[in-house]
Amino acid sequence: MLESLLLPYENTTDSLIDPIYECYFIQALYWSLGAGLTEPAREIFDKQVKYLSSMNSTDEGPTGQAKFDEIPVHEETLFEYYFDAEHECWISWKRLVPKYVHNPEKKFYEILVPTVDTIRSDWLLQLCYKIKRPVLFVGESGTSKTATINAFLRKLNPDQNLVL
């Protein structure tokens, strides 16, 4: 039965098998199915996806980038990477975290120290905002869900957005 479903796709062009699409698929797979996994399950999931991937593994080092046709392995799992579509490369989320500079003018509730988790959450908020999709952050208390969302909302253009 599965073969009959795949037969119409046997003659697809090479453009549909582009490694860029595989990168998009892998990142979507990690952010959807992999998002709800516990840490030990994430490691198993990661090993299986890397095994099934058609891309070669590369250790890009702590400051490097893996090309779009490579799977980066310097960090423990692929959960620790972001696929940068503009530059067509994998970048460690750690490299995207800016250095915190304290602003004494900010009120306490406006302070958000950037971490890998806040950068990931902000990326997801930006992505969903661009495509006009709702977002629900779920997690334990004290994991900066509200602070991250409020920081994102403060960056929006007040002429185009009304924050309630």
C-alpha atoms as a PDB file:
ATOM      1  CA  MET A   1       0.000   0.000   0.000  1.00  0.00           C
ATOM      2  CA  LEU A   2       2.787   2.450   0.927  1.00  0.00           C
ATOM      3  CA  GLU A   3       4.497   1.726  -2.393  1.00  0.00           C
ATOM      4  CA  SER A   4       1.357   2.676  -4.304  1.00  0.00           C
ATOM      5  CA  LEU A   5       1.290   6.000  -2.484  1.00  0.00           C
ATOM      6  CA  LEU A   6       4.906   6.708  -3.378  1.00  0.00           C
ATOM      7  CA  LEU A   7       4.765   5.687  -7.048  1.00  0.00           C
ATOM      8  CA  PRO A   8       3.554   9.063  -8.381  1.00  0.00           C
ATOM      9  CA  TYR A   9       6.586  10.716  -6.770  1.00  0.00           C
ATOM     10  CA  GLU A  10       9.264   8.493  -8.277  1.00  0.00           C
ATOM     11  CA  ASN A  11       9.888  10.844 -11.180  1.00  0.00           C
ATOM     12  CA  THR A  12      10.245  14.028  -9.165  1.00  0.00           C
ATOM     13  CA  THR A  13      12.898  16.504 -10.157  1.00  0.00           C
ATOM     14  CA  ASP A  14      16.118  16.948  -8.217  1.00  0.00           C
ATOM     15  CA  SER A  15      14.954  20.384  -7.059  1.00  0.00           C
ATOM     16  CA  LEU A  16      12.514  18.690  -4.668  1.00  0.00           C
ATOM     17  CA  ILE A  17      15.356  16.760  -3.049  1.00  0.00           C
ATOM     18  CA  ASP A  18      17.380  19.889  -2.341  1.00  0.00           C
ATOM     19  CA  PRO A  19      19.356  19.677   0.944  1.00  0.00           C
ATOM     20  CA  ILE A  20      17.925  23.071   1.939  1.00  0.00           C
ATOM     21  CA  TYR A  21      14.482  21.476   2.168  1.00  0.00           C
ATOM     22  CA  GLU A  22      15.945  18.716   4.308  1.00  0.00           C
ATOM     23  CA  CYS A  23      17.301  21.377   6.692  1.00  0.00           C
ATOM     24  CA  TYR A  24      13.879  23.013   6.919  1.00  0.00           C
ATOM     25  CA  PHE A  25      12.272  19.631   7.491  1.00  0.00           C
ATOM     26  CA  ILE A  26      14.769  18.650  10.190  1.00  0.00           C
ATOM     27  CA  GLN A  27      14.331  21.918  12.071  1.00  0.00           C
ATOM     28  CA  ALA A  28      10.531  21.611  11.839  1.00  0.00           C
ATOM     29  CA  LEU A  29      10.772  18.002  13.027  1.00  0.00           C
ATOM     30  CA  TYR A  30      12.827  18.992  16.064  1.00  0.00           C
ATOM     31  CA  TRP A  31      10.565  21.933  16.915  1.00  0.00           C
ATOM     32  CA  SER A  32       7.357  19.911  16.557  1.00  0.00           C
ATOM     33  CA  LEU A  33       7.764  16.245  17.458  1.00  0.00           C
ATOM     34  CA  GLY A  34      10.950  16.754  19.436  1.00  0.00           C
ATOM     35  CA  ALA A  35       9.752  19.732  21.461  1.00  0.00           C
ATOM     36  CA  GLY A  36       7.773  17.715  23.984  1.00  0.00           C
ATOM     37  CA  LEU A  37      10.478  15.127  24.663  1.00  0.00           C
ATOM     38  CA  THR A  38      12.420  14.792  27.894  1.00  0.00           C
ATOM     39  CA  GLU A  39      16.194  15.238  27.778  1.00  0.00           C
ATOM     40  CA  PRO A  40      17.021  11.485  27.596  1.00  0.00           C
ATOM     41  CA  ALA A  41      14.373  10.998  24.887  1.00  0.00           C
ATOM     42  CA  ARG A  42      15.760  13.988  22.951  1.00  0.00           C
ATOM     43  CA  GLU A  43      19.162  12.314  22.797  1.00  0.00           C
ATOM     44  CA  ILE A  44      17.631   9.120  21.381  1.00  0.00           C
ATOM     45  CA  PHE A  45      15.507  11.146  18.939  1.00  0.00           C
ATOM     46  CA  ASP A  46      18.581  13.129  17.864  1.00  0.00           C
ATOM     47  CA  LYS A  47      20.671  10.014  17.207  1.00  0.00           C
ATOM     48  CA  GLN A  48      17.872   8.476  15.133  1.00  0.00           C
ATOM     49  CA  VAL A  49      17.316  11.612  13.010  1.00  0.00           C
ATOM     50  CA  LYS A  50      21.048  11.994  12.379  1.00  0.00           C
ATOM     51  CA  TYR A  51      21.243   8.316  11.415  1.00  0.00           C
ATOM     52  CA  LEU A  52      18.352   8.678   8.940  1.00  0.00           C
ATOM     53  CA  SER A  53      19.569  11.973   7.475  1.00  0.00           C
ATOM     54  CA  SER A  54      21.291  11.919   4.111  1.00  0.00           C
ATOM     55  CA  MET A  55      23.723  14.647   5.209  1.00  0.00           C
ATOM     56  CA  ASN A  56      27.284  14.167   6.434  1.00  0.00           C
ATOM     57  CA  SER A  57      28.185  15.036  10.020  1.00  0.00           C
ATOM     58  CA  THR A  58      30.749  17.753  10.714  1.00  0.00           C
ATOM     59  CA  ASP A  59      32.301  19.136  13.889  1.00  0.00           C
ATOM     60  CA  GLU A  60      32.197  22.868  13.201  1.00  0.00           C
ATOM     61  CA  GLY A  61      33.852  23.859  16.495  1.00  0.00           C
ATOM     62  CA  PRO A  62      32.499  26.318  19.066  1.00  0.00           C
ATOM     63  CA  THR A  63      32.587  29.329  16.730  1.00  0.00           C
ATOM     64  CA  GLY A  64      31.991  27.711  13.351  1.00  0.00           C
ATOM     65  CA  GLN A  65      28.991  27.045  11.181  1.00  0.00           C
ATOM     66  CA  ALA A  66      27.922  23.873   9.420  1.00  0.00           C
ATOM     67  CA  LYS A  67      26.918  24.235   5.789  1.00  0.00           C
ATOM     68  CA  PHE A  68      23.389  23.390   4.688  1.00  0.00           C
ATOM     69  CA  ASP A  69      24.425  19.960   3.433  1.00  0.00           C
ATOM     70  CA  GLU A  70      26.050  19.000   6.749  1.00  0.00           C
ATOM     71  CA  ILE A  71      24.750  17.994  10.167  1.00  0.00           C
ATOM     72  CA  PRO A  72      26.599  19.877  12.931  1.00  0.00           C
ATOM     73  CA  VAL A  73      27.769  17.715  15.831  1.00  0.00           C
ATOM     74  CA  HIS A  74      29.843  20.002  18.063  1.00  0.00           C
ATOM     75  CA  GLU A  75      26.913  20.578  20.434  1.00  0.00           C
ATOM     76  CA  GLU A  76      25.283  17.602  22.125  1.00  0.00           C
ATOM     77  CA  THR A  77      22.164  17.483  19.910  1.00  0.00           C
ATOM     78  CA  LEU A  78      20.673  19.267  16.923  1.00  0.00           C
ATOM     79  CA  PHE A  79      18.223  20.900  19.367  1.00  0.00           C
ATOM     80  CA  GLU A  80      21.124  23.259  20.102  1.00  0.00           C
ATOM     81  CA  TYR A  81      21.211  24.616  16.531  1.00  0.00           C
ATOM     82  CA  TYR A  82      19.285  27.063  14.402  1.00  0.00           C
ATOM     83  CA  PHE A  83      19.100  26.786  10.612  1.00  0.00           C
ATOM     84  CA  ASP A  84      19.831  30.222   9.186  1.00  0.00           C
ATOM     85  CA  ALA A  85      17.994  30.236   5.852  1.00  0.00           C
ATOM     86  CA  GLU A  86      19.520  33.531   4.734  1.00  0.00           C
ATOM     87  CA  HIS A  87      23.097  32.241   5.036  1.00  0.00           C
ATOM     88  CA  GLU A  88      22.165  28.589   4.431  1.00  0.00           C
ATOM     89  CA  CYS A  89      24.005  27.237   7.454  1.00  0.00           C
ATOM     90  CA  TRP A  90      23.468  25.751  10.912  1.00  0.00           C
ATOM     91  CA  ILE A  91      24.425  28.031  13.800  1.00  0.00           C
ATOM     92  CA  SER A  92      24.576  27.135  17.469  1.00  0.00           C
ATOM     93  CA  TRP A  93      21.922  28.981  19.491  1.00  0.00           C
ATOM     94  CA  LYS A  94      24.736  29.857  21.920  1.00  0.00           C
ATOM     95  CA  ARG A  95      26.328  32.081  19.257  1.00  0.00           C
ATOM     96  CA  LEU A  96      23.116  34.078  18.912  1.00  0.00           C
ATOM     97  CA  VAL A  97      22.932  35.076  22.577  1.00  0.00           C
ATOM     98  CA  PRO A  98      24.047  38.711  22.902  1.00  0.00           C
ATOM     99  CA  LYS A  99      26.150  39.866  25.812  1.00  0.00           C
ATOM    100  CA  TYR A 100      23.962  41.307  28.566  1.00  0.00           C
ATOM    101  CA  VAL A 101      24.492  45.009  29.195  1.00  0.00           C
ATOM    102  CA  HIS A 102      22.627  46.350  32.206  1.00  0.00           C
ATOM    103  CA  ASN A 103      20.559  49.471  31.670  1.00  0.00           C
ATOM    104  CA  PRO A 104      19.938  51.155  35.059  1.00  0.00           C
ATOM    105  CA  GLU A 105      17.048  53.136  33.515  1.00  0.00           C
ATOM    106  CA  LYS A 106      14.951  49.999  33.014  1.00  0.00           C
ATOM    107  CA  LYS A 107      12.381  48.979  35.555  1.00  0.00           C
ATOM    108  CA  PHE A 108      12.942  45.617  37.226  1.00  0.00           C
ATOM    109  CA  TYR A 109      10.071  43.917  35.382  1.00  0.00           C
ATOM    110  CA  GLU A 110      11.512  45.077  32.023  1.00  0.00           C
ATOM    111  CA  ILE A 111      14.873  43.361  32.570  1.00  0.00           C
ATOM    112  CA  LEU A 112      15.414  40.171  30.615  1.00  0.00           C
ATOM    113  CA  VAL A 113      18.871  38.620  30.610  1.00  0.00           C
ATOM    114  CA  PRO A 114      19.304  36.910  27.235  1.00  0.00           C
ATOM    115  CA  THR A 115      19.850  33.150  27.362  1.00  0.00           C
ATOM    116  CA  VAL A 116      19.659  30.370  24.794  1.00  0.00           C
ATOM    117  CA  ASP A 117      16.062  29.718  25.869  1.00  0.00           C
ATOM    118  CA  THR A 118      14.941  33.351  25.614  1.00  0.00           C
ATOM    119  CA  ILE A 119      16.609  33.667  22.185  1.00  0.00           C
ATOM    120  CA  ARG A 120      14.832  30.516  20.968  1.00  0.00           C
ATOM    121  CA  SER A 121      11.494  31.743  22.329  1.00  0.00           C
ATOM    122  CA  ASP A 122      11.962  35.173  20.771  1.00  0.00           C
ATOM    123  CA  TRP A 123      12.768  33.540  17.409  1.00  0.00           C
ATOM    124  CA  LEU A 124       9.566  31.500  17.627  1.00  0.00           C
ATOM    125  CA  LEU A 125       7.530  34.591  18.553  1.00  0.00           C
ATOM    126  CA  GLN A 126       8.976  36.543  15.614  1.00  0.00           C
ATOM    127  CA  LEU A 127       8.290  33.687  13.228  1.00  0.00           C
ATOM    128  CA  CYS A 128       4.671  33.293  14.353  1.00  0.00           C
ATOM    129  CA  TYR A 129       4.134  37.062  14.375  1.00  0.00           C
ATOM    130  CA  LYS A 130       5.319  37.325  10.750  1.00  0.00           C
ATOM    131  CA  ILE A 131       2.860  34.670   9.602  1.00  0.00           C
ATOM    132  CA  LYS A 132       0.092  35.932  11.906  1.00  0.00           C
ATOM    133  CA  ARG A 133      -0.236  32.774  13.986  1.00  0.00           C
ATOM    134  CA  PRO A 134      -1.036  32.606  17.710  1.00  0.00           C
ATOM    135  CA  VAL A 135       1.514  31.311  20.203  1.00  0.00           C
ATOM    136  CA  LEU A 136       1.036  29.695  23.587  1.00  0.00           C
ATOM    137  CA  PHE A 137       4.046  29.298  25.868  1.00  0.00           C
ATOM    138  CA  VAL A 138       3.695  26.458  28.345  1.00  0.00           C
ATOM    139  CA  GLY A 139       6.133  25.538  31.087  1.00  0.00           C
ATOM    140  CA  GLU A 140       7.025  25.605  34.729  1.00  0.00           C
ATOM    141  CA  SER A 141       6.877  28.871  36.662  1.00  0.00           C
ATOM    142  CA  GLY A 142      10.040  30.934  36.637  1.00  0.00           C
ATOM    143  CA  THR A 143      11.136  30.005  33.102  1.00  0.00           C
ATOM    144  CA  SER A 144      10.713  33.579  31.760  1.00  0.00           C
ATOM    145  CA  LYS A 145       7.675  32.913  29.579  1.00  0.00           C
ATOM    146  CA  THR A 146       5.916  36.159  30.529  1.00  0.00           C
ATOM    147  CA  ALA A 147       9.131  38.201  30.555  1.00  0.00           C
ATOM    148  CA  THR A 148      10.079  36.941  27.075  1.00  0.00           C
ATOM    149  CA  ILE A 149       6.644  37.704  25.652  1.00  0.00           C
ATOM    150  CA  ASN A 150       6.566  41.168  27.251  1.00  0.00           C
ATOM    151  CA  ALA A 151      10.052  41.962  25.905  1.00  0.00           C
ATOM    152  CA  PHE A 152       8.891  40.902  22.440  1.00  0.00           C
ATOM    153  CA  LEU A 153       5.738  43.030  22.667  1.00  0.00           C
ATOM    154  CA  ARG A 154       7.752  46.102  23.722  1.00  0.00           C
ATOM    155  CA  LYS A 155       9.764  45.808  20.484  1.00  0.00           C
ATOM    156  CA  LEU A 156       6.664  45.991  18.268  1.00  0.00           C
ATOM    157  CA  ASN A 157       5.754  49.180  16.451  1.00  0.00           C
ATOM    158  CA  PRO A 158       3.105  50.895  18.622  1.00  0.00           C
ATOM    159  CA  ASP A 159       1.608  52.569  15.523  1.00  0.00           C
ATOM    160  CA  GLN A 160       0.730  49.170  14.074  1.00  0.00           C
ATOM    161  CA  ASN A 161       0.113  47.133  17.252  1.00  0.00           C
ATOM    162  CA  LEU A 162      -1.992  47.620  20.347  1.00  0.00           C
ATOM    163  CA  VAL A 163      -0.706  45.794  23.401  1.00  0.00           C
ATOM    164  CA  LEU A 164      -3.395  45.122  25.993  1.00  0.00           C
END
